[in-house]
Protein backbone atom coordinates (compact mmCIF):
# COMPACT_ATOMS: atom_id res chain seq x y z
CA UNK A 1 0.00 0.00 0.00
CA UNK A 2 1.31 3.43 -0.95
CA UNK A 3 1.50 5.79 2.00
CA UNK A 4 2.59 8.81 -0.04
CA UNK A 5 1.60 10.40 -3.31
CA UNK A 6 3.62 12.85 -5.38
CA UNK A 7 1.66 15.57 -7.16
CA UNK A 8 3.01 18.03 -9.71
CA UNK A 9 1.05 21.26 -10.10
CA UNK A 10 1.38 23.46 -13.19
CA UNK A 11 0.40 27.05 -12.39
CA UNK A 12 -0.23 29.15 -15.49
CA UNK A 13 0.46 32.82 -14.70
CA UNK A 14 2.83 35.67 -15.60
CA UNK A 15 4.17 36.69 -12.17
CA UNK A 16 7.92 35.90 -12.01
CA UNK A 17 7.82 36.06 -8.19
CA UNK A 18 5.56 32.99 -7.93
CA UNK A 19 6.48 29.42 -8.83
CA UNK A 20 5.27 27.98 -12.13
CA UNK A 21 5.48 24.35 -10.98
CA UNK A 22 4.92 23.06 -7.44
CA UNK A 23 5.60 19.46 -6.50
CA UNK A 24 4.04 18.05 -3.34
CA UNK A 25 4.80 14.98 -1.25
CA UNK A 26 1.37 14.06 0.16
CA UNK A 27 0.78 11.88 3.24
CA UNK A 28 -2.01 9.46 2.33
CA UNK A 29 -2.21 8.15 5.90
CA UNK A 30 -2.80 11.60 7.38
CA UNK A 31 -5.72 13.12 5.47
CA UNK A 32 -3.61 14.20 2.45
CA UNK A 33 -1.47 16.71 4.35
CA UNK A 34 1.67 17.92 2.63
CA UNK A 35 4.97 16.62 3.99
CA UNK A 36 7.37 18.46 1.67
CA UNK A 37 7.13 20.61 -1.43
CA UNK A 38 9.35 22.01 -4.15
CA UNK A 39 8.68 25.37 -5.79
CA UNK A 40 10.04 25.68 -9.33
CA UNK A 41 10.26 29.11 -10.95
CA UNK A 42 10.26 30.11 -14.61
CA UNK A 43 13.99 30.93 -14.38
CA UNK A 44 14.72 27.32 -13.29
CA UNK A 45 15.23 27.92 -9.57
CA UNK A 46 14.11 25.05 -7.33
CA UNK A 47 13.30 25.86 -3.72
CA UNK A 48 12.73 23.01 -1.26
CA UNK A 49 10.34 23.40 1.66
CA UNK A 50 10.49 20.70 4.32
CA UNK A 51 7.93 22.44 6.57
CA UNK A 52 5.17 23.70 4.27
CA UNK A 53 2.82 24.62 7.12
CA UNK A 54 5.38 26.74 8.99
CA UNK A 55 3.93 30.15 8.09
CA UNK A 56 0.32 29.37 7.22
CA UNK A 57 -2.73 30.48 9.14
CA UNK A 58 -4.86 27.42 8.44
CA UNK A 59 -3.58 23.90 7.75
CA UNK A 60 -5.53 22.23 4.96
CA UNK A 61 -4.97 18.98 3.08
CA UNK A 62 -4.31 18.98 -0.64
CA UNK A 63 -7.08 17.88 -2.99
CA UNK A 64 -6.68 14.90 -5.28
CA UNK A 65 -5.31 15.30 -8.81
CA UNK A 66 -8.80 14.67 -10.14
CA UNK A 67 -10.33 17.41 -7.97
CA UNK A 68 -7.62 19.89 -8.95
CA UNK A 69 -8.10 19.15 -12.64
CA UNK A 70 -11.85 19.85 -12.53
CA UNK A 71 -11.08 23.36 -11.35
CA UNK A 72 -11.32 23.46 -7.55
CA UNK A 73 -8.26 25.77 -7.55
CA UNK A 74 -9.24 27.63 -10.74
CA UNK A 75 -8.60 27.26 -14.44
CA UNK A 76 -4.94 28.28 -14.22
CA UNK A 77 -3.96 25.15 -12.25
CA UNK A 78 -3.44 21.62 -13.62
CA UNK A 79 -2.04 18.57 -11.83
CA UNK A 80 -0.55 15.14 -12.46
CA UNK A 81 1.08 12.44 -10.38
CA UNK A 82 4.79 11.76 -10.54
CA UNK A 83 7.00 9.06 -9.07
CA UNK A 84 8.75 9.17 -5.72
CA UNK A 85 12.02 8.81 -7.59
CA UNK A 86 11.38 11.95 -9.66
CA UNK A 87 10.46 13.95 -6.54
CA UNK A 88 13.54 12.75 -4.63
CA UNK A 89 15.88 13.52 -7.53
CA UNK A 90 14.64 17.12 -7.79
CA UNK A 91 14.67 17.49 -3.99
CA UNK A 92 18.25 16.23 -3.77
CA UNK A 93 19.75 18.01 -6.81
CA UNK A 94 17.65 21.22 -6.98
CA UNK A 95 17.48 20.63 -10.74
CA UNK A 96 14.20 20.43 -12.66
CA UNK A 97 14.39 19.57 -16.34
CA UNK A 98 10.68 19.06 -16.98
CA UNK A 99 8.18 21.34 -18.59
CA UNK A 100 7.25 24.64 -16.99
CA UNK A 101 4.04 24.94 -19.02
PDB file of N, CA and C in Angstrom:
ATOM      1  N   UNK A   1       0.823  -1.180   0.000  1.00  0.00           N
ATOM      2  CA  UNK A   1       0.000   0.000   0.000  1.00  0.00           C
ATOM      3  C   UNK A   1       0.873   1.252   0.000  1.00  0.00           C
ATOM      4  N   UNK A   2       0.585   2.164  -0.911  1.00  0.00           N
ATOM      5  CA  UNK A   2       1.306   3.426  -0.945  1.00  0.00           C
ATOM      6  C   UNK A   2       0.855   4.316   0.204  1.00  0.00           C
ATOM      7  N   UNK A   3       1.808   4.880   0.906  1.00  0.00           N
ATOM      8  CA  UNK A   3       1.497   5.786   2.003  1.00  0.00           C
ATOM      9  C   UNK A   3       1.723   7.247   1.619  1.00  0.00           C
ATOM     10  N   UNK A   4       2.334   7.454   0.444  1.00  0.00           N
ATOM     11  CA  UNK A   4       2.585   8.808  -0.043  1.00  0.00           C
ATOM     12  C   UNK A   4       2.220   8.900  -1.520  1.00  0.00           C
ATOM     13  N   UNK A   5       1.893  10.114  -1.905  1.00  0.00           N
ATOM     14  CA  UNK A   5       1.604  10.404  -3.305  1.00  0.00           C
ATOM     15  C   UNK A   5       2.394  11.655  -3.668  1.00  0.00           C
ATOM     16  N   UNK A   6       2.829  11.719  -4.915  1.00  0.00           N
ATOM     17  CA  UNK A   6       3.619  12.854  -5.384  1.00  0.00           C
ATOM     18  C   UNK A   6       2.839  13.534  -6.491  1.00  0.00           C
ATOM     19  N   UNK A   7       2.546  14.822  -6.275  1.00  0.00           N
ATOM     20  CA  UNK A   7       1.665  15.573  -7.160  1.00  0.00           C
ATOM     21  C   UNK A   7       2.412  16.772  -7.709  1.00  0.00           C
ATOM     22  N   UNK A   8       2.404  16.885  -9.034  1.00  0.00           N
ATOM     23  CA  UNK A   8       3.012  18.029  -9.708  1.00  0.00           C
ATOM     24  C   UNK A   8       1.900  18.962 -10.166  1.00  0.00           C
ATOM     25  N   UNK A   9       2.022  20.228  -9.753  1.00  0.00           N
ATOM     26  CA  UNK A   9       1.053  21.259 -10.101  1.00  0.00           C
ATOM     27  C   UNK A   9       1.679  22.197 -11.124  1.00  0.00           C
ATOM     28  N   UNK A  10       0.987  22.431 -12.220  1.00  0.00           N
ATOM     29  CA  UNK A  10       1.383  23.456 -13.185  1.00  0.00           C
ATOM     30  C   UNK A  10       0.499  24.671 -12.943  1.00  0.00           C
ATOM     31  N   UNK A  11       1.127  25.812 -12.686  1.00  0.00           N
ATOM     32  CA  UNK A  11       0.398  27.047 -12.391  1.00  0.00           C
ATOM     33  C   UNK A  11       0.656  28.026 -13.521  1.00  0.00           C
ATOM     34  N   UNK A  12      -0.353  28.303 -14.311  1.00  0.00           N
ATOM     35  CA  UNK A  12      -0.229  29.153 -15.494  1.00  0.00           C
ATOM     36  C   UNK A  12      -0.499  30.607 -15.123  1.00  0.00           C
ATOM     37  N   UNK A  13       0.557  31.398 -15.059  1.00  0.00           N
ATOM     38  CA  UNK A  13       0.460  32.819 -14.698  1.00  0.00           C
ATOM     39  C   UNK A  13       1.687  33.541 -15.231  1.00  0.00           C
ATOM     40  N   UNK A  14       1.730  34.858 -15.077  1.00  0.00           N
ATOM     41  CA  UNK A  14       2.833  35.669 -15.596  1.00  0.00           C
ATOM     42  C   UNK A  14       3.658  36.359 -14.515  1.00  0.00           C
ATOM     43  N   UNK A  15       3.452  36.039 -13.252  1.00  0.00           N
ATOM     44  CA  UNK A  15       4.170  36.690 -12.172  1.00  0.00           C
ATOM     45  C   UNK A  15       5.492  35.958 -11.908  1.00  0.00           C
ATOM     46  N   UNK A  16       6.639  36.582 -12.199  1.00  0.00           N
ATOM     47  CA  UNK A  16       7.924  35.896 -12.006  1.00  0.00           C
ATOM     48  C   UNK A  16       8.272  35.636 -10.541  1.00  0.00           C
ATOM     49  N   UNK A  17       7.549  36.261  -9.616  1.00  0.00           N
ATOM     50  CA  UNK A  17       7.816  36.058  -8.190  1.00  0.00           C
ATOM     51  C   UNK A  17       7.134  34.822  -7.612  1.00  0.00           C
ATOM     52  N   UNK A  18       6.258  34.203  -8.373  1.00  0.00           N
ATOM     53  CA  UNK A  18       5.556  32.994  -7.931  1.00  0.00           C
ATOM     54  C   UNK A  18       6.042  31.789  -8.730  1.00  0.00           C
ATOM     55  N   UNK A  19       6.041  30.612  -8.096  1.00  0.00           N
ATOM     56  CA  UNK A  19       6.480  29.415  -8.829  1.00  0.00           C
ATOM     57  C   UNK A  19       5.535  29.072  -9.973  1.00  0.00           C
ATOM     58  N   UNK A  20       6.072  28.442 -10.999  1.00  0.00           N
ATOM     59  CA  UNK A  20       5.271  27.979 -12.130  1.00  0.00           C
ATOM     60  C   UNK A  20       4.900  26.511 -11.979  1.00  0.00           C
ATOM     61  N   UNK A  21       5.730  25.766 -11.261  1.00  0.00           N
ATOM     62  CA  UNK A  21       5.483  24.352 -10.979  1.00  0.00           C
ATOM     63  C   UNK A  21       5.690  24.157  -9.481  1.00  0.00           C
ATOM     64  N   UNK A  22       4.788  23.409  -8.858  1.00  0.00           N
ATOM     65  CA  UNK A  22       4.920  23.063  -7.443  1.00  0.00           C
ATOM     66  C   UNK A  22       4.748  21.553  -7.337  1.00  0.00           C
ATOM     67  N   UNK A  23       5.669  20.912  -6.654  1.00  0.00           N
ATOM     68  CA  UNK A  23       5.597  19.461  -6.497  1.00  0.00           C
ATOM     69  C   UNK A  23       5.432  19.140  -5.015  1.00  0.00           C
ATOM     70  N   UNK A  24       4.389  18.386  -4.713  1.00  0.00           N
ATOM     71  CA  UNK A  24       4.040  18.046  -3.336  1.00  0.00           C
ATOM     72  C   UNK A  24       4.303  16.578  -3.033  1.00  0.00           C
ATOM     73  N   UNK A  25       4.784  16.319  -1.816  1.00  0.00           N
ATOM     74  CA  UNK A  25       4.795  14.976  -1.254  1.00  0.00           C
ATOM     75  C   UNK A  25       3.617  14.938  -0.287  1.00  0.00           C
ATOM     76  N   UNK A  26       2.638  14.081  -0.563  1.00  0.00           N
ATOM     77  CA  UNK A  26       1.372  14.060   0.165  1.00  0.00           C
ATOM     78  C   UNK A  26       1.306  12.803   1.034  1.00  0.00           C
ATOM     79  N   UNK A  27       0.925  12.981   2.290  1.00  0.00           N
ATOM     80  CA  UNK A  27       0.784  11.880   3.237  1.00  0.00           C
ATOM     81  C   UNK A  27      -0.621  11.282   3.113  1.00  0.00           C
ATOM     82  N   UNK A  28      -0.714  10.107   2.530  1.00  0.00           N
ATOM     83  CA  UNK A  28      -2.011   9.463   2.327  1.00  0.00           C
ATOM     84  C   UNK A  28      -2.576   8.866   3.617  1.00  0.00           C
ATOM     85  N   UNK A  29      -1.742   8.701   4.627  1.00  0.00           N
ATOM     86  CA  UNK A  29      -2.211   8.147   5.897  1.00  0.00           C
ATOM     87  C   UNK A  29      -2.669   9.236   6.858  1.00  0.00           C
ATOM     88  N   UNK A  30      -2.463  10.483   6.496  1.00  0.00           N
ATOM     89  CA  UNK A  30      -2.799  11.597   7.381  1.00  0.00           C
ATOM     90  C   UNK A  30      -3.632  12.634   6.626  1.00  0.00           C
ATOM     91  N   UNK A  31      -4.744  12.219   6.086  1.00  0.00           N
ATOM     92  CA  UNK A  31      -5.725  13.122   5.469  1.00  0.00           C
ATOM     93  C   UNK A  31      -5.184  13.979   4.336  1.00  0.00           C
ATOM     94  N   UNK A  32      -4.167  13.509   3.623  1.00  0.00           N
ATOM     95  CA  UNK A  32      -3.612  14.201   2.453  1.00  0.00           C
ATOM     96  C   UNK A  32      -2.892  15.505   2.821  1.00  0.00           C
ATOM     97  N   UNK A  33      -2.279  15.541   3.995  1.00  0.00           N
ATOM     98  CA  UNK A  33      -1.474  16.708   4.351  1.00  0.00           C
ATOM     99  C   UNK A  33      -0.136  16.644   3.631  1.00  0.00           C
ATOM    100  N   UNK A  34       0.415  17.815   3.368  1.00  0.00           N
ATOM    101  CA  UNK A  34       1.673  17.918   2.628  1.00  0.00           C
ATOM    102  C   UNK A  34       2.835  17.720   3.590  1.00  0.00           C
ATOM    103  N   UNK A  35       3.767  16.852   3.194  1.00  0.00           N
ATOM    104  CA  UNK A  35       4.968  16.616   3.989  1.00  0.00           C
ATOM    105  C   UNK A  35       6.113  17.528   3.552  1.00  0.00           C
ATOM    106  N   UNK A  36       6.321  17.610   2.250  1.00  0.00           N
ATOM    107  CA  UNK A  36       7.372  18.455   1.674  1.00  0.00           C
ATOM    108  C   UNK A  36       6.859  19.002   0.343  1.00  0.00           C
ATOM    109  N   UNK A  37       7.465  20.101  -0.099  1.00  0.00           N
ATOM    110  CA  UNK A  37       7.125  20.607  -1.428  1.00  0.00           C
ATOM    111  C   UNK A  37       8.338  21.258  -2.058  1.00  0.00           C
ATOM    112  N   UNK A  38       8.302  21.351  -3.371  1.00  0.00           N
ATOM    113  CA  UNK A  38       9.348  22.006  -4.146  1.00  0.00           C
ATOM    114  C   UNK A  38       8.677  23.053  -5.028  1.00  0.00           C
ATOM    115  N   UNK A  39       9.130  24.303  -4.909  1.00  0.00           N
ATOM    116  CA  UNK A  39       8.676  25.371  -5.793  1.00  0.00           C
ATOM    117  C   UNK A  39       9.680  25.505  -6.926  1.00  0.00           C
ATOM    118  N   UNK A  40       9.177  25.548  -8.163  1.00  0.00           N
ATOM    119  CA  UNK A  40      10.038  25.676  -9.333  1.00  0.00           C
ATOM    120  C   UNK A  40       9.599  26.918 -10.100  1.00  0.00           C
ATOM    121  N   UNK A  41      10.543  27.819 -10.320  1.00  0.00           N
ATOM    122  CA  UNK A  41      10.257  29.106 -10.947  1.00  0.00           C
ATOM    123  C   UNK A  41      10.597  29.081 -12.428  1.00  0.00           C
ATOM    124  N   UNK A  42      10.061  30.041 -13.164  1.00  0.00           N
ATOM    125  CA  UNK A  42      10.265  30.110 -14.613  1.00  0.00           C
ATOM    126  C   UNK A  42      11.740  30.207 -14.975  1.00  0.00           C
ATOM    127  N   UNK A  43      12.549  30.800 -14.102  1.00  0.00           N
ATOM    128  CA  UNK A  43      13.987  30.932 -14.377  1.00  0.00           C
ATOM    129  C   UNK A  43      14.772  29.664 -14.031  1.00  0.00           C
ATOM    130  N   UNK A  44      14.080  28.602 -13.582  1.00  0.00           N
ATOM    131  CA  UNK A  44      14.724  27.324 -13.292  1.00  0.00           C
ATOM    132  C   UNK A  44      15.075  27.093 -11.839  1.00  0.00           C
ATOM    133  N   UNK A  45      14.930  28.106 -10.995  1.00  0.00           N
ATOM    134  CA  UNK A  45      15.233  27.918  -9.570  1.00  0.00           C
ATOM    135  C   UNK A  45      14.306  26.878  -8.954  1.00  0.00           C
ATOM    136  N   UNK A  46      14.876  26.038  -8.102  1.00  0.00           N
ATOM    137  CA  UNK A  46      14.111  25.050  -7.332  1.00  0.00           C
ATOM    138  C   UNK A  46      14.318  25.341  -5.858  1.00  0.00           C
ATOM    139  N   UNK A  47      13.218  25.543  -5.137  1.00  0.00           N
ATOM    140  CA  UNK A  47      13.298  25.864  -3.717  1.00  0.00           C
ATOM    141  C   UNK A  47      12.564  24.788  -2.929  1.00  0.00           C
ATOM    142  N   UNK A  48      13.308  24.069  -2.086  1.00  0.00           N
ATOM    143  CA  UNK A  48      12.733  23.014  -1.256  1.00  0.00           C
ATOM    144  C   UNK A  48      12.104  23.603  -0.004  1.00  0.00           C
ATOM    145  N   UNK A  49      10.992  22.998   0.422  1.00  0.00           N
ATOM    146  CA  UNK A  49      10.341  23.405   1.660  1.00  0.00           C
ATOM    147  C   UNK A  49       9.979  22.142   2.442  1.00  0.00           C
ATOM    148  N   UNK A  50      10.722  21.889   3.503  1.00  0.00           N
ATOM    149  CA  UNK A  50      10.491  20.705   4.323  1.00  0.00           C
ATOM    150  C   UNK A  50       9.483  20.910   5.437  1.00  0.00           C
ATOM    151  N   UNK A  51       8.947  22.139   5.556  1.00  0.00           N
ATOM    152  CA  UNK A  51       7.935  22.441   6.569  1.00  0.00           C
ATOM    153  C   UNK A  51       6.890  23.369   5.951  1.00  0.00           C
ATOM    154  N   UNK A  52       6.074  22.843   5.034  1.00  0.00           N
ATOM    155  CA  UNK A  52       5.169  23.697   4.266  1.00  0.00           C
ATOM    156  C   UNK A  52       4.085  24.396   5.082  1.00  0.00           C
ATOM    157  N   UNK A  53       3.856  23.981   6.309  1.00  0.00           N
ATOM    158  CA  UNK A  53       2.818  24.623   7.123  1.00  0.00           C
ATOM    159  C   UNK A  53       3.408  25.606   8.135  1.00  0.00           C
ATOM    160  N   UNK A  54       4.688  25.892   8.029  1.00  0.00           N
ATOM    161  CA  UNK A  54       5.377  26.740   8.987  1.00  0.00           C
ATOM    162  C   UNK A  54       4.766  28.138   9.111  1.00  0.00           C
ATOM    163  N   UNK A  55       4.399  28.761   8.014  1.00  0.00           N
ATOM    164  CA  UNK A  55       3.931  30.149   8.085  1.00  0.00           C
ATOM    165  C   UNK A  55       2.489  30.324   7.607  1.00  0.00           C
ATOM    166  N   UNK A  56       1.707  29.260   7.665  1.00  0.00           N
ATOM    167  CA  UNK A  56       0.319  29.368   7.220  1.00  0.00           C
ATOM    168  C   UNK A  56      -0.611  29.610   8.406  1.00  0.00           C
ATOM    169  N   UNK A  57      -1.730  30.211   8.103  1.00  0.00           N
ATOM    170  CA  UNK A  57      -2.725  30.484   9.136  1.00  0.00           C
ATOM    171  C   UNK A  57      -3.603  29.264   9.390  1.00  0.00           C
ATOM    172  N   UNK A  58      -3.979  28.580   8.325  1.00  0.00           N
ATOM    173  CA  UNK A  58      -4.859  27.418   8.441  1.00  0.00           C
ATOM    174  C   UNK A  58      -4.245  26.238   7.694  1.00  0.00           C
ATOM    175  N   UNK A  59      -4.151  25.106   8.350  1.00  0.00           N
ATOM    176  CA  UNK A  59      -3.584  23.902   7.751  1.00  0.00           C
ATOM    177  C   UNK A  59      -4.697  23.128   7.061  1.00  0.00           C
ATOM    178  N   UNK A  60      -4.532  22.956   5.744  1.00  0.00           N
ATOM    179  CA  UNK A  60      -5.532  22.233   4.960  1.00  0.00           C
ATOM    180  C   UNK A  60      -4.856  21.141   4.145  1.00  0.00           C
ATOM    181  N   UNK A  61      -5.523  20.032   3.943  1.00  0.00           N
ATOM    182  CA  UNK A  61      -4.970  18.982   3.084  1.00  0.00           C
ATOM    183  C   UNK A  61      -5.049  19.397   1.616  1.00  0.00           C
ATOM    184  N   UNK A  62      -4.276  18.727   0.798  1.00  0.00           N
ATOM    185  CA  UNK A  62      -4.306  18.984  -0.640  1.00  0.00           C
ATOM    186  C   UNK A  62      -5.375  18.100  -1.288  1.00  0.00           C
ATOM    187  N   UNK A  63      -6.066  18.643  -2.260  1.00  0.00           N
ATOM    188  CA  UNK A  63      -7.076  17.885  -2.989  1.00  0.00           C
ATOM    189  C   UNK A  63      -6.406  16.828  -3.862  1.00  0.00           C
ATOM    190  N   UNK A  64      -7.191  15.915  -4.370  1.00  0.00           N
ATOM    191  CA  UNK A  64      -6.684  14.897  -5.281  1.00  0.00           C
ATOM    192  C   UNK A  64      -6.390  15.522  -6.638  1.00  0.00           C
ATOM    193  N   UNK A  65      -5.614  14.839  -7.441  1.00  0.00           N
ATOM    194  CA  UNK A  65      -5.312  15.302  -8.805  1.00  0.00           C
ATOM    195  C   UNK A  65      -6.608  15.496  -9.586  1.00  0.00           C
ATOM    196  N   UNK A  66      -7.531  14.574  -9.420  1.00  0.00           N
ATOM    197  CA  UNK A  66      -8.802  14.667 -10.143  1.00  0.00           C
ATOM    198  C   UNK A  66      -9.587  15.915  -9.737  1.00  0.00           C
ATOM    199  N   UNK A  67      -9.621  16.214  -8.446  1.00  0.00           N
ATOM    200  CA  UNK A  67     -10.331  17.408  -7.971  1.00  0.00           C
ATOM    201  C   UNK A  67      -9.662  18.686  -8.484  1.00  0.00           C
ATOM    202  N   UNK A  68      -8.346  18.714  -8.450  1.00  0.00           N
ATOM    203  CA  UNK A  68      -7.623  19.891  -8.947  1.00  0.00           C
ATOM    204  C   UNK A  68      -7.916  20.106 -10.424  1.00  0.00           C
ATOM    205  N   UNK A  69      -7.924  19.031 -11.192  1.00  0.00           N
ATOM    206  CA  UNK A  69      -8.101  19.150 -12.644  1.00  0.00           C
ATOM    207  C   UNK A  69      -9.526  19.480 -13.079  1.00  0.00           C
ATOM    208  N   UNK A  70     -10.492  19.395 -12.181  1.00  0.00           N
ATOM    209  CA  UNK A  70     -11.846  19.853 -12.526  1.00  0.00           C
ATOM    210  C   UNK A  70     -12.068  21.295 -12.080  1.00  0.00           C
ATOM    211  N   UNK A  71     -11.007  21.934 -11.586  1.00  0.00           N
ATOM    212  CA  UNK A  71     -11.077  23.359 -11.353  1.00  0.00           C
ATOM    213  C   UNK A  71     -11.293  23.834  -9.946  1.00  0.00           C
ATOM    214  N   UNK A  72     -11.095  22.993  -8.926  1.00  0.00           N
ATOM    215  CA  UNK A  72     -11.319  23.460  -7.554  1.00  0.00           C
ATOM    216  C   UNK A  72     -10.373  24.597  -7.170  1.00  0.00           C
ATOM    217  N   UNK A  73      -9.217  24.694  -7.820  1.00  0.00           N
ATOM    218  CA  UNK A  73      -8.262  25.770  -7.550  1.00  0.00           C
ATOM    219  C   UNK A  73      -8.301  26.832  -8.651  1.00  0.00           C
ATOM    220  N   UNK A  74      -9.164  26.673  -9.637  1.00  0.00           N
ATOM    221  CA  UNK A  74      -9.238  27.627 -10.736  1.00  0.00           C
ATOM    222  C   UNK A  74      -8.719  27.036 -12.034  1.00  0.00           C
ATOM    223  N   UNK A  75      -8.972  27.742 -13.107  1.00  0.00           N
ATOM    224  CA  UNK A  75      -8.602  27.255 -14.438  1.00  0.00           C
ATOM    225  C   UNK A  75      -7.111  27.347 -14.743  1.00  0.00           C
ATOM    226  N   UNK A  76      -6.361  28.115 -13.936  1.00  0.00           N
ATOM    227  CA  UNK A  76      -4.935  28.282 -14.221  1.00  0.00           C
ATOM    228  C   UNK A  76      -4.067  27.217 -13.556  1.00  0.00           C
ATOM    229  N   UNK A  77      -4.684  26.215 -12.954  1.00  0.00           N
ATOM    230  CA  UNK A  77      -3.961  25.149 -12.253  1.00  0.00           C
ATOM    231  C   UNK A  77      -4.313  23.795 -12.870  1.00  0.00           C
ATOM    232  N   UNK A  78      -3.268  23.006 -13.158  1.00  0.00           N
ATOM    233  CA  UNK A  78      -3.444  21.623 -13.616  1.00  0.00           C
ATOM    234  C   UNK A  78      -2.490  20.746 -12.832  1.00  0.00           C
ATOM    235  N   UNK A  79      -2.840  19.469 -12.658  1.00  0.00           N
ATOM    236  CA  UNK A  79      -2.037  18.574 -11.832  1.00  0.00           C
ATOM    237  C   UNK A  79      -1.859  17.210 -12.480  1.00  0.00           C
ATOM    238  N   UNK A  80      -0.777  16.538 -12.079  1.00  0.00           N
ATOM    239  CA  UNK A  80      -0.548  15.139 -12.464  1.00  0.00           C
ATOM    240  C   UNK A  80       0.271  14.481 -11.354  1.00  0.00           C
ATOM    241  N   UNK A  81       0.278  13.179 -11.345  1.00  0.00           N
ATOM    242  CA  UNK A  81       1.078  12.435 -10.384  1.00  0.00           C
ATOM    243  C   UNK A  81       2.464  12.189 -10.985  1.00  0.00           C
ATOM    244  N   UNK A  82       3.452  12.142 -10.114  1.00  0.00           N
ATOM    245  CA  UNK A  82       4.793  11.763 -10.539  1.00  0.00           C
ATOM    246  C   UNK A  82       5.290  10.678  -9.597  1.00  0.00           C
ATOM    247  N   UNK A  83       6.441  10.124  -9.903  1.00  0.00           N
ATOM    248  CA  UNK A  83       7.003   9.064  -9.067  1.00  0.00           C
ATOM    249  C   UNK A  83       7.776   9.637  -7.881  1.00  0.00           C
ATOM    250  N   UNK A  84       7.925   8.813  -6.871  1.00  0.00           N
ATOM    251  CA  UNK A  84       8.746   9.171  -5.720  1.00  0.00           C
ATOM    252  C   UNK A  84      10.173   9.452  -6.167  1.00  0.00           C
ATOM    253  N   UNK A  85      10.657   8.661  -7.097  1.00  0.00           N
ATOM    254  CA  UNK A  85      12.020   8.815  -7.589  1.00  0.00           C
ATOM    255  C   UNK A  85      12.233  10.184  -8.239  1.00  0.00           C
ATOM    256  N   UNK A  86      11.262  10.630  -9.035  1.00  0.00           N
ATOM    257  CA  UNK A  86      11.378  11.948  -9.661  1.00  0.00           C
ATOM    258  C   UNK A  86      11.393  13.047  -8.600  1.00  0.00           C
ATOM    259  N   UNK A  87      10.488  12.961  -7.627  1.00  0.00           N
ATOM    260  CA  UNK A  87      10.463  13.945  -6.543  1.00  0.00           C
ATOM    261  C   UNK A  87      11.807  13.977  -5.824  1.00  0.00           C
ATOM    262  N   UNK A  88      12.298  12.814  -5.405  1.00  0.00           N
ATOM    263  CA  UNK A  88      13.535  12.752  -4.628  1.00  0.00           C
ATOM    264  C   UNK A  88      14.735  13.283  -5.412  1.00  0.00           C
ATOM    265  N   UNK A  89      14.771  13.023  -6.707  1.00  0.00           N
ATOM    266  CA  UNK A  89      15.881  13.517  -7.534  1.00  0.00           C
ATOM    267  C   UNK A  89      15.889  15.046  -7.569  1.00  0.00           C
ATOM    268  N   UNK A  90      14.724  15.659  -7.769  1.00  0.00           N
ATOM    269  CA  UNK A  90      14.640  17.117  -7.793  1.00  0.00           C
ATOM    270  C   UNK A  90      14.953  17.674  -6.406  1.00  0.00           C
ATOM    271  N   UNK A  91      14.421  17.056  -5.364  1.00  0.00           N
ATOM    272  CA  UNK A  91      14.670  17.493  -3.987  1.00  0.00           C
ATOM    273  C   UNK A  91      16.175  17.485  -3.683  1.00  0.00           C
ATOM    274  N   UNK A  92      16.837  16.419  -4.081  1.00  0.00           N
ATOM    275  CA  UNK A  92      18.250  16.232  -3.774  1.00  0.00           C
ATOM    276  C   UNK A  92      19.154  17.146  -4.609  1.00  0.00           C
ATOM    277  N   UNK A  93      18.857  17.296  -5.902  1.00  0.00           N
ATOM    278  CA  UNK A  93      19.754  18.015  -6.811  1.00  0.00           C
ATOM    279  C   UNK A  93      19.387  19.484  -7.018  1.00  0.00           C
ATOM    280  N   UNK A  94      18.154  19.858  -6.700  1.00  0.00           N
ATOM    281  CA  UNK A  94      17.649  21.220  -6.978  1.00  0.00           C
ATOM    282  C   UNK A  94      17.668  21.520  -8.477  1.00  0.00           C
ATOM    283  N   UNK A  95      17.497  20.471  -9.282  1.00  0.00           N
ATOM    284  CA  UNK A  95      17.479  20.627 -10.736  1.00  0.00           C
ATOM    285  C   UNK A  95      16.184  20.037 -11.269  1.00  0.00           C
ATOM    286  N   UNK A  96      15.457  20.862 -12.022  1.00  0.00           N
ATOM    287  CA  UNK A  96      14.203  20.429 -12.663  1.00  0.00           C
ATOM    288  C   UNK A  96      14.379  20.592 -14.156  1.00  0.00           C
ATOM    289  N   UNK A  97      14.219  19.517 -14.894  1.00  0.00           N
ATOM    290  CA  UNK A  97      14.394  19.565 -16.337  1.00  0.00           C
ATOM    291  C   UNK A  97      13.089  19.357 -17.093  1.00  0.00           C
ATOM    292  N   UNK A  98      11.994  19.280 -16.360  1.00  0.00           N
ATOM    293  CA  UNK A  98      10.679  19.060 -16.978  1.00  0.00           C
ATOM    294  C   UNK A  98      10.095  20.336 -17.538  1.00  0.00           C
ATOM    295  N   UNK A  99       8.879  20.209 -18.006  1.00  0.00           N
ATOM    296  CA  UNK A  99       8.180  21.337 -18.591  1.00  0.00           C
ATOM    297  C   UNK A  99       7.752  22.328 -17.510  1.00  0.00           C
ATOM    298  N   UNK A 100       7.752  23.586 -17.866  1.00  0.00           N
ATOM    299  CA  UNK A 100       7.246  24.635 -16.992  1.00  0.00           C
ATOM    300  C   UNK A 100       5.787  24.897 -17.334  1.00  0.00           C
ATOM    301  N   UNK A 101       5.416  24.692 -18.581  1.00  0.00           N
ATOM    302  CA  UNK A 101       4.037  24.940 -19.020  1.00  0.00           C
ATOM    303  C   UNK A 101       3.408  23.684 -19.536  1.00  0.00           C
TER     304      UNK A 101
END
